[in-house]
PDBML (XML) file of the C-alpha atoms, coordinates in Angstrom:
<?xml version="1.0" encoding="UTF-8" ?>
<PDBx:datablock datablockName="MODEL"
   xmlns:PDBx="http://pdbml.pdb.org/schema/pdbx-v50.xsd"
   xmlns:xsi="http://www.w3.org/2001/XMLSchema-instance"
   xsi:schemaLocation="http://pdbml.pdb.org/schema/pdbx-v50.xsd pdbx-v50.xsd">
   <PDBx:atom_siteCategory>
      <PDBx:atom_site id="1">
         <PDBx:B_iso_or_equiv>0.00</PDBx:B_iso_or_equiv>
         <PDBx:Cartn_x>30.712</PDBx:Cartn_x>
         <PDBx:Cartn_y>155.115</PDBx:Cartn_y>
         <PDBx:Cartn_z>-140.000</PDBx:Cartn_z>
         <PDBx:auth_asym_id>A</PDBx:auth_asym_id>
         <PDBx:auth_atom_id>CA</PDBx:auth_atom_id>
         <PDBx:auth_comp_id>GLY</PDBx:auth_comp_id>
         <PDBx:auth_seq_id>1</PDBx:auth_seq_id>
         <PDBx:group_PDB>ATOM</PDBx:group_PDB>
         <PDBx:label_alt_id xsi:nil="true" />
         <PDBx:label_asym_id>A</PDBx:label_asym_id>
         <PDBx:label_atom_id>CA</PDBx:label_atom_id>
         <PDBx:label_comp_id>GLY</PDBx:label_comp_id>
         <PDBx:label_entity_id>1</PDBx:label_entity_id>
         <PDBx:label_seq_id>1</PDBx:label_seq_id>
         <PDBx:occupancy>1.00</PDBx:occupancy>
         <PDBx:pdbx_PDB_model_num>1</PDBx:pdbx_PDB_model_num>
         <PDBx:type_symbol>C</PDBx:type_symbol>
      </PDBx:atom_site>
      <PDBx:atom_site id="2">
         <PDBx:B_iso_or_equiv>0.00</PDBx:B_iso_or_equiv>
         <PDBx:Cartn_x>33.225</PDBx:Cartn_x>
         <PDBx:Cartn_y>157.315</PDBx:Cartn_y>
         <PDBx:Cartn_z>-141.833</PDBx:Cartn_z>
         <PDBx:auth_asym_id>A</PDBx:auth_asym_id>
         <PDBx:auth_atom_id>CA</PDBx:auth_atom_id>
         <PDBx:auth_comp_id>ASP</PDBx:auth_comp_id>
         <PDBx:auth_seq_id>2</PDBx:auth_seq_id>
         <PDBx:group_PDB>ATOM</PDBx:group_PDB>
         <PDBx:label_alt_id xsi:nil="true" />
         <PDBx:label_asym_id>A</PDBx:label_asym_id>
         <PDBx:label_atom_id>CA</PDBx:label_atom_id>
         <PDBx:label_comp_id>ASP</PDBx:label_comp_id>
         <PDBx:label_entity_id>1</PDBx:label_entity_id>
         <PDBx:label_seq_id>2</PDBx:label_seq_id>
         <PDBx:occupancy>1.00</PDBx:occupancy>
         <PDBx:pdbx_PDB_model_num>1</PDBx:pdbx_PDB_model_num>
         <PDBx:type_symbol>C</PDBx:type_symbol>
      </PDBx:atom_site>
      <PDBx:atom_site id="3">
         <PDBx:B_iso_or_equiv>0.00</PDBx:B_iso_or_equiv>
         <PDBx:Cartn_x>32.799</PDBx:Cartn_x>
         <PDBx:Cartn_y>155.154</PDBx:Cartn_y>
         <PDBx:Cartn_z>-144.934</PDBx:Cartn_z>
         <PDBx:auth_asym_id>A</PDBx:auth_asym_id>
         <PDBx:auth_atom_id>CA</PDBx:auth_atom_id>
         <PDBx:auth_comp_id>ASP</PDBx:auth_comp_id>
         <PDBx:auth_seq_id>3</PDBx:auth_seq_id>
         <PDBx:group_PDB>ATOM</PDBx:group_PDB>
         <PDBx:label_alt_id xsi:nil="true" />
         <PDBx:label_asym_id>A</PDBx:label_asym_id>
         <PDBx:label_atom_id>CA</PDBx:label_atom_id>
         <PDBx:label_comp_id>ASP</PDBx:label_comp_id>
         <PDBx:label_entity_id>1</PDBx:label_entity_id>
         <PDBx:label_seq_id>3</PDBx:label_seq_id>
         <PDBx:occupancy>1.00</PDBx:occupancy>
         <PDBx:pdbx_PDB_model_num>1</PDBx:pdbx_PDB_model_num>
         <PDBx:type_symbol>C</PDBx:type_symbol>
      </PDBx:atom_site>
      <PDBx:atom_site id="4">
         <PDBx:B_iso_or_equiv>0.00</PDBx:B_iso_or_equiv>
         <PDBx:Cartn_x>29.038</PDBx:Cartn_x>
         <PDBx:Cartn_y>155.745</PDBx:Cartn_y>
         <PDBx:Cartn_z>-144.843</PDBx:Cartn_z>
         <PDBx:auth_asym_id>A</PDBx:auth_asym_id>
         <PDBx:auth_atom_id>CA</PDBx:auth_atom_id>
         <PDBx:auth_comp_id>VAL</PDBx:auth_comp_id>
         <PDBx:auth_seq_id>4</PDBx:auth_seq_id>
         <PDBx:group_PDB>ATOM</PDBx:group_PDB>
         <PDBx:label_alt_id xsi:nil="true" />
         <PDBx:label_asym_id>A</PDBx:label_asym_id>
         <PDBx:label_atom_id>CA</PDBx:label_atom_id>
         <PDBx:label_comp_id>VAL</PDBx:label_comp_id>
         <PDBx:label_entity_id>1</PDBx:label_entity_id>
         <PDBx:label_seq_id>4</PDBx:label_seq_id>
         <PDBx:occupancy>1.00</PDBx:occupancy>
         <PDBx:pdbx_PDB_model_num>1</PDBx:pdbx_PDB_model_num>
         <PDBx:type_symbol>C</PDBx:type_symbol>
      </PDBx:atom_site>
      <PDBx:atom_site id="5">
         <PDBx:B_iso_or_equiv>0.00</PDBx:B_iso_or_equiv>
         <PDBx:Cartn_x>29.321</PDBx:Cartn_x>
         <PDBx:Cartn_y>159.452</PDBx:Cartn_y>
         <PDBx:Cartn_z>-144.001</PDBx:Cartn_z>
         <PDBx:auth_asym_id>A</PDBx:auth_asym_id>
         <PDBx:auth_atom_id>CA</PDBx:auth_atom_id>
         <PDBx:auth_comp_id>GLY</PDBx:auth_comp_id>
         <PDBx:auth_seq_id>5</PDBx:auth_seq_id>
         <PDBx:group_PDB>ATOM</PDBx:group_PDB>
         <PDBx:label_alt_id xsi:nil="true" />
         <PDBx:label_asym_id>A</PDBx:label_asym_id>
         <PDBx:label_atom_id>CA</PDBx:label_atom_id>
         <PDBx:label_comp_id>GLY</PDBx:label_comp_id>
         <PDBx:label_entity_id>1</PDBx:label_entity_id>
         <PDBx:label_seq_id>5</PDBx:label_seq_id>
         <PDBx:occupancy>1.00</PDBx:occupancy>
         <PDBx:pdbx_PDB_model_num>1</PDBx:pdbx_PDB_model_num>
         <PDBx:type_symbol>C</PDBx:type_symbol>
      </PDBx:atom_site>
      <PDBx:atom_site id="6">
         <PDBx:B_iso_or_equiv>0.00</PDBx:B_iso_or_equiv>
         <PDBx:Cartn_x>28.007</PDBx:Cartn_x>
         <PDBx:Cartn_y>159.182</PDBx:Cartn_y>
         <PDBx:Cartn_z>-140.445</PDBx:Cartn_z>
         <PDBx:auth_asym_id>A</PDBx:auth_asym_id>
         <PDBx:auth_atom_id>CA</PDBx:auth_atom_id>
         <PDBx:auth_comp_id>VAL</PDBx:auth_comp_id>
         <PDBx:auth_seq_id>6</PDBx:auth_seq_id>
         <PDBx:group_PDB>ATOM</PDBx:group_PDB>
         <PDBx:label_alt_id xsi:nil="true" />
         <PDBx:label_asym_id>A</PDBx:label_asym_id>
         <PDBx:label_atom_id>CA</PDBx:label_atom_id>
         <PDBx:label_comp_id>VAL</PDBx:label_comp_id>
         <PDBx:label_entity_id>1</PDBx:label_entity_id>
         <PDBx:label_seq_id>6</PDBx:label_seq_id>
         <PDBx:occupancy>1.00</PDBx:occupancy>
         <PDBx:pdbx_PDB_model_num>1</PDBx:pdbx_PDB_model_num>
         <PDBx:type_symbol>C</PDBx:type_symbol>
      </PDBx:atom_site>
      <PDBx:atom_site id="7">
         <PDBx:B_iso_or_equiv>0.00</PDBx:B_iso_or_equiv>
         <PDBx:Cartn_x>30.041</PDBx:Cartn_x>
         <PDBx:Cartn_y>160.533</PDBx:Cartn_y>
         <PDBx:Cartn_z>-137.547</PDBx:Cartn_z>
         <PDBx:auth_asym_id>A</PDBx:auth_asym_id>
         <PDBx:auth_atom_id>CA</PDBx:auth_atom_id>
         <PDBx:auth_comp_id>ASP</PDBx:auth_comp_id>
         <PDBx:auth_seq_id>7</PDBx:auth_seq_id>
         <PDBx:group_PDB>ATOM</PDBx:group_PDB>
         <PDBx:label_alt_id xsi:nil="true" />
         <PDBx:label_asym_id>A</PDBx:label_asym_id>
         <PDBx:label_atom_id>CA</PDBx:label_atom_id>
         <PDBx:label_comp_id>ASP</PDBx:label_comp_id>
         <PDBx:label_entity_id>1</PDBx:label_entity_id>
         <PDBx:label_seq_id>7</PDBx:label_seq_id>
         <PDBx:occupancy>1.00</PDBx:occupancy>
         <PDBx:pdbx_PDB_model_num>1</PDBx:pdbx_PDB_model_num>
         <PDBx:type_symbol>C</PDBx:type_symbol>
      </PDBx:atom_site>
      <PDBx:atom_site id="8">
         <PDBx:B_iso_or_equiv>0.00</PDBx:B_iso_or_equiv>
         <PDBx:Cartn_x>30.426</PDBx:Cartn_x>
         <PDBx:Cartn_y>158.117</PDBx:Cartn_y>
         <PDBx:Cartn_z>-134.635</PDBx:Cartn_z>
         <PDBx:auth_asym_id>A</PDBx:auth_asym_id>
         <PDBx:auth_atom_id>CA</PDBx:auth_atom_id>
         <PDBx:auth_comp_id>ILE</PDBx:auth_comp_id>
         <PDBx:auth_seq_id>8</PDBx:auth_seq_id>
         <PDBx:group_PDB>ATOM</PDBx:group_PDB>
         <PDBx:label_alt_id xsi:nil="true" />
         <PDBx:label_asym_id>A</PDBx:label_asym_id>
         <PDBx:label_atom_id>CA</PDBx:label_atom_id>
         <PDBx:label_comp_id>ILE</PDBx:label_comp_id>
         <PDBx:label_entity_id>1</PDBx:label_entity_id>
         <PDBx:label_seq_id>8</PDBx:label_seq_id>
         <PDBx:occupancy>1.00</PDBx:occupancy>
         <PDBx:pdbx_PDB_model_num>1</PDBx:pdbx_PDB_model_num>
         <PDBx:type_symbol>C</PDBx:type_symbol>
      </PDBx:atom_site>
      <PDBx:atom_site id="9">
         <PDBx:B_iso_or_equiv>0.00</PDBx:B_iso_or_equiv>
         <PDBx:Cartn_x>32.173</PDBx:Cartn_x>
         <PDBx:Cartn_y>159.464</PDBx:Cartn_y>
         <PDBx:Cartn_z>-131.564</PDBx:Cartn_z>
         <PDBx:auth_asym_id>A</PDBx:auth_asym_id>
         <PDBx:auth_atom_id>CA</PDBx:auth_atom_id>
         <PDBx:auth_comp_id>GLY</PDBx:auth_comp_id>
         <PDBx:auth_seq_id>9</PDBx:auth_seq_id>
         <PDBx:group_PDB>ATOM</PDBx:group_PDB>
         <PDBx:label_alt_id xsi:nil="true" />
         <PDBx:label_asym_id>A</PDBx:label_asym_id>
         <PDBx:label_atom_id>CA</PDBx:label_atom_id>
         <PDBx:label_comp_id>GLY</PDBx:label_comp_id>
         <PDBx:label_entity_id>1</PDBx:label_entity_id>
         <PDBx:label_seq_id>9</PDBx:label_seq_id>
         <PDBx:occupancy>1.00</PDBx:occupancy>
         <PDBx:pdbx_PDB_model_num>1</PDBx:pdbx_PDB_model_num>
         <PDBx:type_symbol>C</PDBx:type_symbol>
      </PDBx:atom_site>
      <PDBx:atom_site id="10">
         <PDBx:B_iso_or_equiv>0.00</PDBx:B_iso_or_equiv>
         <PDBx:Cartn_x>34.369</PDBx:Cartn_x>
         <PDBx:Cartn_y>157.635</PDBx:Cartn_y>
         <PDBx:Cartn_z>-129.081</PDBx:Cartn_z>
         <PDBx:auth_asym_id>A</PDBx:auth_asym_id>
         <PDBx:auth_atom_id>CA</PDBx:auth_atom_id>
         <PDBx:auth_comp_id>SER</PDBx:auth_comp_id>
         <PDBx:auth_seq_id>10</PDBx:auth_seq_id>
         <PDBx:group_PDB>ATOM</PDBx:group_PDB>
         <PDBx:label_alt_id xsi:nil="true" />
         <PDBx:label_asym_id>A</PDBx:label_asym_id>
         <PDBx:label_atom_id>CA</PDBx:label_atom_id>
         <PDBx:label_comp_id>SER</PDBx:label_comp_id>
         <PDBx:label_entity_id>1</PDBx:label_entity_id>
         <PDBx:label_seq_id>10</PDBx:label_seq_id>
         <PDBx:occupancy>1.00</PDBx:occupancy>
         <PDBx:pdbx_PDB_model_num>1</PDBx:pdbx_PDB_model_num>
         <PDBx:type_symbol>C</PDBx:type_symbol>
      </PDBx:atom_site>
      <PDBx:atom_site id="11">
         <PDBx:B_iso_or_equiv>0.00</PDBx:B_iso_or_equiv>
         <PDBx:Cartn_x>33.508</PDBx:Cartn_x>
         <PDBx:Cartn_y>156.638</PDBx:Cartn_y>
         <PDBx:Cartn_z>-125.540</PDBx:Cartn_z>
         <PDBx:auth_asym_id>A</PDBx:auth_asym_id>
         <PDBx:auth_atom_id>CA</PDBx:auth_atom_id>
         <PDBx:auth_comp_id>ILE</PDBx:auth_comp_id>
         <PDBx:auth_seq_id>11</PDBx:auth_seq_id>
         <PDBx:group_PDB>ATOM</PDBx:group_PDB>
         <PDBx:label_alt_id xsi:nil="true" />
         <PDBx:label_asym_id>A</PDBx:label_asym_id>
         <PDBx:label_atom_id>CA</PDBx:label_atom_id>
         <PDBx:label_comp_id>ILE</PDBx:label_comp_id>
         <PDBx:label_entity_id>1</PDBx:label_entity_id>
         <PDBx:label_seq_id>11</PDBx:label_seq_id>
         <PDBx:occupancy>1.00</PDBx:occupancy>
         <PDBx:pdbx_PDB_model_num>1</PDBx:pdbx_PDB_model_num>
         <PDBx:type_symbol>C</PDBx:type_symbol>
      </PDBx:atom_site>
      <PDBx:atom_site id="12">
         <PDBx:B_iso_or_equiv>0.00</PDBx:B_iso_or_equiv>
         <PDBx:Cartn_x>35.290</PDBx:Cartn_x>
         <PDBx:Cartn_y>154.885</PDBx:Cartn_y>
         <PDBx:Cartn_z>-122.702</PDBx:Cartn_z>
         <PDBx:auth_asym_id>A</PDBx:auth_asym_id>
         <PDBx:auth_atom_id>CA</PDBx:auth_atom_id>
         <PDBx:auth_comp_id>SER</PDBx:auth_comp_id>
         <PDBx:auth_seq_id>12</PDBx:auth_seq_id>
         <PDBx:group_PDB>ATOM</PDBx:group_PDB>
         <PDBx:label_alt_id xsi:nil="true" />
         <PDBx:label_asym_id>A</PDBx:label_asym_id>
         <PDBx:label_atom_id>CA</PDBx:label_atom_id>
         <PDBx:label_comp_id>SER</PDBx:label_comp_id>
         <PDBx:label_entity_id>1</PDBx:label_entity_id>
         <PDBx:label_seq_id>12</PDBx:label_seq_id>
         <PDBx:occupancy>1.00</PDBx:occupancy>
         <PDBx:pdbx_PDB_model_num>1</PDBx:pdbx_PDB_model_num>
         <PDBx:type_symbol>C</PDBx:type_symbol>
      </PDBx:atom_site>
      <PDBx:atom_site id="13">
         <PDBx:B_iso_or_equiv>0.00</PDBx:B_iso_or_equiv>
         <PDBx:Cartn_x>33.183</PDBx:Cartn_x>
         <PDBx:Cartn_y>152.763</PDBx:Cartn_y>
         <PDBx:Cartn_z>-120.361</PDBx:Cartn_z>
         <PDBx:auth_asym_id>A</PDBx:auth_asym_id>
         <PDBx:auth_atom_id>CA</PDBx:auth_atom_id>
         <PDBx:auth_comp_id>VAL</PDBx:auth_comp_id>
         <PDBx:auth_seq_id>13</PDBx:auth_seq_id>
         <PDBx:group_PDB>ATOM</PDBx:group_PDB>
         <PDBx:label_alt_id xsi:nil="true" />
         <PDBx:label_asym_id>A</PDBx:label_asym_id>
         <PDBx:label_atom_id>CA</PDBx:label_atom_id>
         <PDBx:label_comp_id>VAL</PDBx:label_comp_id>
         <PDBx:label_entity_id>1</PDBx:label_entity_id>
         <PDBx:label_seq_id>13</PDBx:label_seq_id>
         <PDBx:occupancy>1.00</PDBx:occupancy>
         <PDBx:pdbx_PDB_model_num>1</PDBx:pdbx_PDB_model_num>
         <PDBx:type_symbol>C</PDBx:type_symbol>
      </PDBx:atom_site>
      <PDBx:atom_site id="14">
         <PDBx:B_iso_or_equiv>0.00</PDBx:B_iso_or_equiv>
         <PDBx:Cartn_x>34.888</PDBx:Cartn_x>
         <PDBx:Cartn_y>151.421</PDBx:Cartn_y>
         <PDBx:Cartn_z>-117.248</PDBx:Cartn_z>
         <PDBx:auth_asym_id>A</PDBx:auth_asym_id>
         <PDBx:auth_atom_id>CA</PDBx:auth_atom_id>
         <PDBx:auth_comp_id>THR</PDBx:auth_comp_id>
         <PDBx:auth_seq_id>14</PDBx:auth_seq_id>
         <PDBx:group_PDB>ATOM</PDBx:group_PDB>
         <PDBx:label_alt_id xsi:nil="true" />
         <PDBx:label_asym_id>A</PDBx:label_asym_id>
         <PDBx:label_atom_id>CA</PDBx:label_atom_id>
         <PDBx:label_comp_id>THR</PDBx:label_comp_id>
         <PDBx:label_entity_id>1</PDBx:label_entity_id>
         <PDBx:label_seq_id>14</PDBx:label_seq_id>
         <PDBx:occupancy>1.00</PDBx:occupancy>
         <PDBx:pdbx_PDB_model_num>1</PDBx:pdbx_PDB_model_num>
         <PDBx:type_symbol>C</PDBx:type_symbol>
      </PDBx:atom_site>
      <PDBx:atom_site id="15">
         <PDBx:B_iso_or_equiv>0.00</PDBx:B_iso_or_equiv>
         <PDBx:Cartn_x>33.579</PDBx:Cartn_x>
         <PDBx:Cartn_y>148.850</PDBx:Cartn_y>
         <PDBx:Cartn_z>-114.794</PDBx:Cartn_z>
         <PDBx:auth_asym_id>A</PDBx:auth_asym_id>
         <PDBx:auth_atom_id>CA</PDBx:auth_atom_id>
         <PDBx:auth_comp_id>SER</PDBx:auth_comp_id>
         <PDBx:auth_seq_id>15</PDBx:auth_seq_id>
         <PDBx:group_PDB>ATOM</PDBx:group_PDB>
         <PDBx:label_alt_id xsi:nil="true" />
         <PDBx:label_asym_id>A</PDBx:label_asym_id>
         <PDBx:label_atom_id>CA</PDBx:label_atom_id>
         <PDBx:label_comp_id>SER</PDBx:label_comp_id>
         <PDBx:label_entity_id>1</PDBx:label_entity_id>
         <PDBx:label_seq_id>15</PDBx:label_seq_id>
         <PDBx:occupancy>1.00</PDBx:occupancy>
         <PDBx:pdbx_PDB_model_num>1</PDBx:pdbx_PDB_model_num>
         <PDBx:type_symbol>C</PDBx:type_symbol>
      </PDBx:atom_site>
      <PDBx:atom_site id="16">
         <PDBx:B_iso_or_equiv>0.00</PDBx:B_iso_or_equiv>
         <PDBx:Cartn_x>35.088</PDBx:Cartn_x>
         <PDBx:Cartn_y>148.061</PDBx:Cartn_y>
         <PDBx:Cartn_z>-111.409</PDBx:Cartn_z>
         <PDBx:auth_asym_id>A</PDBx:auth_asym_id>
         <PDBx:auth_atom_id>CA</PDBx:auth_atom_id>
         <PDBx:auth_comp_id>ARG</PDBx:auth_comp_id>
         <PDBx:auth_seq_id>16</PDBx:auth_seq_id>
         <PDBx:group_PDB>ATOM</PDBx:group_PDB>
         <PDBx:label_alt_id xsi:nil="true" />
         <PDBx:label_asym_id>A</PDBx:label_asym_id>
         <PDBx:label_atom_id>CA</PDBx:label_atom_id>
         <PDBx:label_comp_id>ARG</PDBx:label_comp_id>
         <PDBx:label_entity_id>1</PDBx:label_entity_id>
         <PDBx:label_seq_id>16</PDBx:label_seq_id>
         <PDBx:occupancy>1.00</PDBx:occupancy>
         <PDBx:pdbx_PDB_model_num>1</PDBx:pdbx_PDB_model_num>
         <PDBx:type_symbol>C</PDBx:type_symbol>
      </PDBx:atom_site>
      <PDBx:atom_site id="17">
         <PDBx:B_iso_or_equiv>0.00</PDBx:B_iso_or_equiv>
         <PDBx:Cartn_x>34.002</PDBx:Cartn_x>
         <PDBx:Cartn_y>146.291</PDBx:Cartn_y>
         <PDBx:Cartn_z>-108.229</PDBx:Cartn_z>
         <PDBx:auth_asym_id>A</PDBx:auth_asym_id>
         <PDBx:auth_atom_id>CA</PDBx:auth_atom_id>
         <PDBx:auth_comp_id>VAL</PDBx:auth_comp_id>
         <PDBx:auth_seq_id>17</PDBx:auth_seq_id>
         <PDBx:group_PDB>ATOM</PDBx:group_PDB>
         <PDBx:label_alt_id xsi:nil="true" />
         <PDBx:label_asym_id>A</PDBx:label_asym_id>
         <PDBx:label_atom_id>CA</PDBx:label_atom_id>
         <PDBx:label_comp_id>VAL</PDBx:label_comp_id>
         <PDBx:label_entity_id>1</PDBx:label_entity_id>
         <PDBx:label_seq_id>17</PDBx:label_seq_id>
         <PDBx:occupancy>1.00</PDBx:occupancy>
         <PDBx:pdbx_PDB_model_num>1</PDBx:pdbx_PDB_model_num>
         <PDBx:type_symbol>C</PDBx:type_symbol>
      </PDBx:atom_site>
      <PDBx:atom_site id="18">
         <PDBx:B_iso_or_equiv>0.00</PDBx:B_iso_or_equiv>
         <PDBx:Cartn_x>34.587</PDBx:Cartn_x>
         <PDBx:Cartn_y>148.299</PDBx:Cartn_y>
         <PDBx:Cartn_z>-105.058</PDBx:Cartn_z>
         <PDBx:auth_asym_id>A</PDBx:auth_asym_id>
         <PDBx:auth_atom_id>CA</PDBx:auth_atom_id>
         <PDBx:auth_comp_id>ARG</PDBx:auth_comp_id>
         <PDBx:auth_seq_id>18</PDBx:auth_seq_id>
         <PDBx:group_PDB>ATOM</PDBx:group_PDB>
         <PDBx:label_alt_id xsi:nil="true" />
         <PDBx:label_asym_id>A</PDBx:label_asym_id>
         <PDBx:label_atom_id>CA</PDBx:label_atom_id>
         <PDBx:label_comp_id>ARG</PDBx:label_comp_id>
         <PDBx:label_entity_id>1</PDBx:label_entity_id>
         <PDBx:label_seq_id>18</PDBx:label_seq_id>
         <PDBx:occupancy>1.00</PDBx:occupancy>
         <PDBx:pdbx_PDB_model_num>1</PDBx:pdbx_PDB_model_num>
         <PDBx:type_symbol>C</PDBx:type_symbol>
      </PDBx:atom_site>
      <PDBx:atom_site id="19">
         <PDBx:B_iso_or_equiv>0.00</PDBx:B_iso_or_equiv>
         <PDBx:Cartn_x>33.758</PDBx:Cartn_x>
         <PDBx:Cartn_y>145.517</PDBx:Cartn_y>
         <PDBx:Cartn_z>-102.587</PDBx:Cartn_z>
         <PDBx:auth_asym_id>A</PDBx:auth_asym_id>
         <PDBx:auth_atom_id>CA</PDBx:auth_atom_id>
         <PDBx:auth_comp_id>VAL</PDBx:auth_comp_id>
         <PDBx:auth_seq_id>19</PDBx:auth_seq_id>
         <PDBx:group_PDB>ATOM</PDBx:group_PDB>
         <PDBx:label_alt_id xsi:nil="true" />
         <PDBx:label_asym_id>A</PDBx:label_asym_id>
         <PDBx:label_atom_id>CA</PDBx:label_atom_id>
         <PDBx:label_comp_id>VAL</PDBx:label_comp_id>
         <PDBx:label_entity_id>1</PDBx:label_entity_id>
         <PDBx:label_seq_id>19</PDBx:label_seq_id>
         <PDBx:occupancy>1.00</PDBx:occupancy>
         <PDBx:pdbx_PDB_model_num>1</PDBx:pdbx_PDB_model_num>
         <PDBx:type_symbol>C</PDBx:type_symbol>
      </PDBx:atom_site>
      <PDBx:atom_site id="20">
         <PDBx:B_iso_or_equiv>0.00</PDBx:B_iso_or_equiv>
         <PDBx:Cartn_x>33.679</PDBx:Cartn_x>
         <PDBx:Cartn_y>141.817</PDBx:Cartn_y>
         <PDBx:Cartn_z>-103.386</PDBx:Cartn_z>
         <PDBx:auth_asym_id>A</PDBx:auth_asym_id>
         <PDBx:auth_atom_id>CA</PDBx:auth_atom_id>
         <PDBx:auth_comp_id>GLU</PDBx:auth_comp_id>
         <PDBx:auth_seq_id>20</PDBx:auth_seq_id>
         <PDBx:group_PDB>ATOM</PDBx:group_PDB>
         <PDBx:label_alt_id xsi:nil="true" />
         <PDBx:label_asym_id>A</PDBx:label_asym_id>
         <PDBx:label_atom_id>CA</PDBx:label_atom_id>
         <PDBx:label_comp_id>GLU</PDBx:label_comp_id>
         <PDBx:label_entity_id>1</PDBx:label_entity_id>
         <PDBx:label_seq_id>20</PDBx:label_seq_id>
         <PDBx:occupancy>1.00</PDBx:occupancy>
         <PDBx:pdbx_PDB_model_num>1</PDBx:pdbx_PDB_model_num>
         <PDBx:type_symbol>C</PDBx:type_symbol>
      </PDBx:atom_site>
      <PDBx:atom_site id="21">
         <PDBx:B_iso_or_equiv>0.00</PDBx:B_iso_or_equiv>
         <PDBx:Cartn_x>30.122</PDBx:Cartn_x>
         <PDBx:Cartn_y>140.715</PDBx:Cartn_y>
         <PDBx:Cartn_z>-104.028</PDBx:Cartn_z>
         <PDBx:auth_asym_id>A</PDBx:auth_asym_id>
         <PDBx:auth_atom_id>CA</PDBx:auth_atom_id>
         <PDBx:auth_comp_id>GLY</PDBx:auth_comp_id>
         <PDBx:auth_seq_id>21</PDBx:auth_seq_id>
         <PDBx:group_PDB>ATOM</PDBx:group_PDB>
         <PDBx:label_alt_id xsi:nil="true" />
         <PDBx:label_asym_id>A</PDBx:label_asym_id>
         <PDBx:label_atom_id>CA</PDBx:label_atom_id>
         <PDBx:label_comp_id>GLY</PDBx:label_comp_id>
         <PDBx:label_entity_id>1</PDBx:label_entity_id>
         <PDBx:label_seq_id>21</PDBx:label_seq_id>
         <PDBx:occupancy>1.00</PDBx:occupancy>
         <PDBx:pdbx_PDB_model_num>1</PDBx:pdbx_PDB_model_num>
         <PDBx:type_symbol>C</PDBx:type_symbol>
      </PDBx:atom_site>
      <PDBx:atom_site id="22">
         <PDBx:B_iso_or_equiv>0.00</PDBx:B_iso_or_equiv>
         <PDBx:Cartn_x>28.875</PDBx:Cartn_x>
         <PDBx:Cartn_y>144.224</PDBx:Cartn_y>
         <PDBx:Cartn_z>-104.858</PDBx:Cartn_z>
         <PDBx:auth_asym_id>A</PDBx:auth_asym_id>
         <PDBx:auth_atom_id>CA</PDBx:auth_atom_id>
         <PDBx:auth_comp_id>ASP</PDBx:auth_comp_id>
         <PDBx:auth_seq_id>22</PDBx:auth_seq_id>
         <PDBx:group_PDB>ATOM</PDBx:group_PDB>
         <PDBx:label_alt_id xsi:nil="true" />
         <PDBx:label_asym_id>A</PDBx:label_asym_id>
         <PDBx:label_atom_id>CA</PDBx:label_atom_id>
         <PDBx:label_comp_id>ASP</PDBx:label_comp_id>
         <PDBx:label_entity_id>1</PDBx:label_entity_id>
         <PDBx:label_seq_id>22</PDBx:label_seq_id>
         <PDBx:occupancy>1.00</PDBx:occupancy>
         <PDBx:pdbx_PDB_model_num>1</PDBx:pdbx_PDB_model_num>
         <PDBx:type_symbol>C</PDBx:type_symbol>
      </PDBx:atom_site>
      <PDBx:atom_site id="23">
         <PDBx:B_iso_or_equiv>0.00</PDBx:B_iso_or_equiv>
         <PDBx:Cartn_x>27.545</PDBx:Cartn_x>
         <PDBx:Cartn_y>145.277</PDBx:Cartn_y>
         <PDBx:Cartn_z>-108.228</PDBx:Cartn_z>
         <PDBx:auth_asym_id>A</PDBx:auth_asym_id>
         <PDBx:auth_atom_id>CA</PDBx:auth_atom_id>
         <PDBx:auth_comp_id>ASP</PDBx:auth_comp_id>
         <PDBx:auth_seq_id>23</PDBx:auth_seq_id>
         <PDBx:group_PDB>ATOM</PDBx:group_PDB>
         <PDBx:label_alt_id xsi:nil="true" />
         <PDBx:label_asym_id>A</PDBx:label_asym_id>
         <PDBx:label_atom_id>CA</PDBx:label_atom_id>
         <PDBx:label_comp_id>ASP</PDBx:label_comp_id>
         <PDBx:label_entity_id>1</PDBx:label_entity_id>
         <PDBx:label_seq_id>23</PDBx:label_seq_id>
         <PDBx:occupancy>1.00</PDBx:occupancy>
         <PDBx:pdbx_PDB_model_num>1</PDBx:pdbx_PDB_model_num>
         <PDBx:type_symbol>C</PDBx:type_symbol>
      </PDBx:atom_site>
      <PDBx:atom_site id="24">
         <PDBx:B_iso_or_equiv>0.00</PDBx:B_iso_or_equiv>
         <PDBx:Cartn_x>30.266</PDBx:Cartn_x>
         <PDBx:Cartn_y>146.764</PDBx:Cartn_y>
         <PDBx:Cartn_z>-110.430</PDBx:Cartn_z>
         <PDBx:auth_asym_id>A</PDBx:auth_asym_id>
         <PDBx:auth_atom_id>CA</PDBx:auth_atom_id>
         <PDBx:auth_comp_id>PRO</PDBx:auth_comp_id>
         <PDBx:auth_seq_id>24</PDBx:auth_seq_id>
         <PDBx:group_PDB>ATOM</PDBx:group_PDB>
         <PDBx:label_alt_id xsi:nil="true" />
         <PDBx:label_asym_id>A</PDBx:label_asym_id>
         <PDBx:label_atom_id>CA</PDBx:label_atom_id>
         <PDBx:label_comp_id>PRO</PDBx:label_comp_id>
         <PDBx:label_entity_id>1</PDBx:label_entity_id>
         <PDBx:label_seq_id>24</PDBx:label_seq_id>
         <PDBx:occupancy>1.00</PDBx:occupancy>
         <PDBx:pdbx_PDB_model_num>1</PDBx:pdbx_PDB_model_num>
         <PDBx:type_symbol>C</PDBx:type_symbol>
      </PDBx:atom_site>
   </PDBx:atom_siteCategory>
</PDBx:datablock>
């Protein structure tokens, strides 16, 4: 994105399972 001239920000996406069998 820098090379083009477009700013692209950073993000952290975390995924964890609280109880086995549940959706993360």
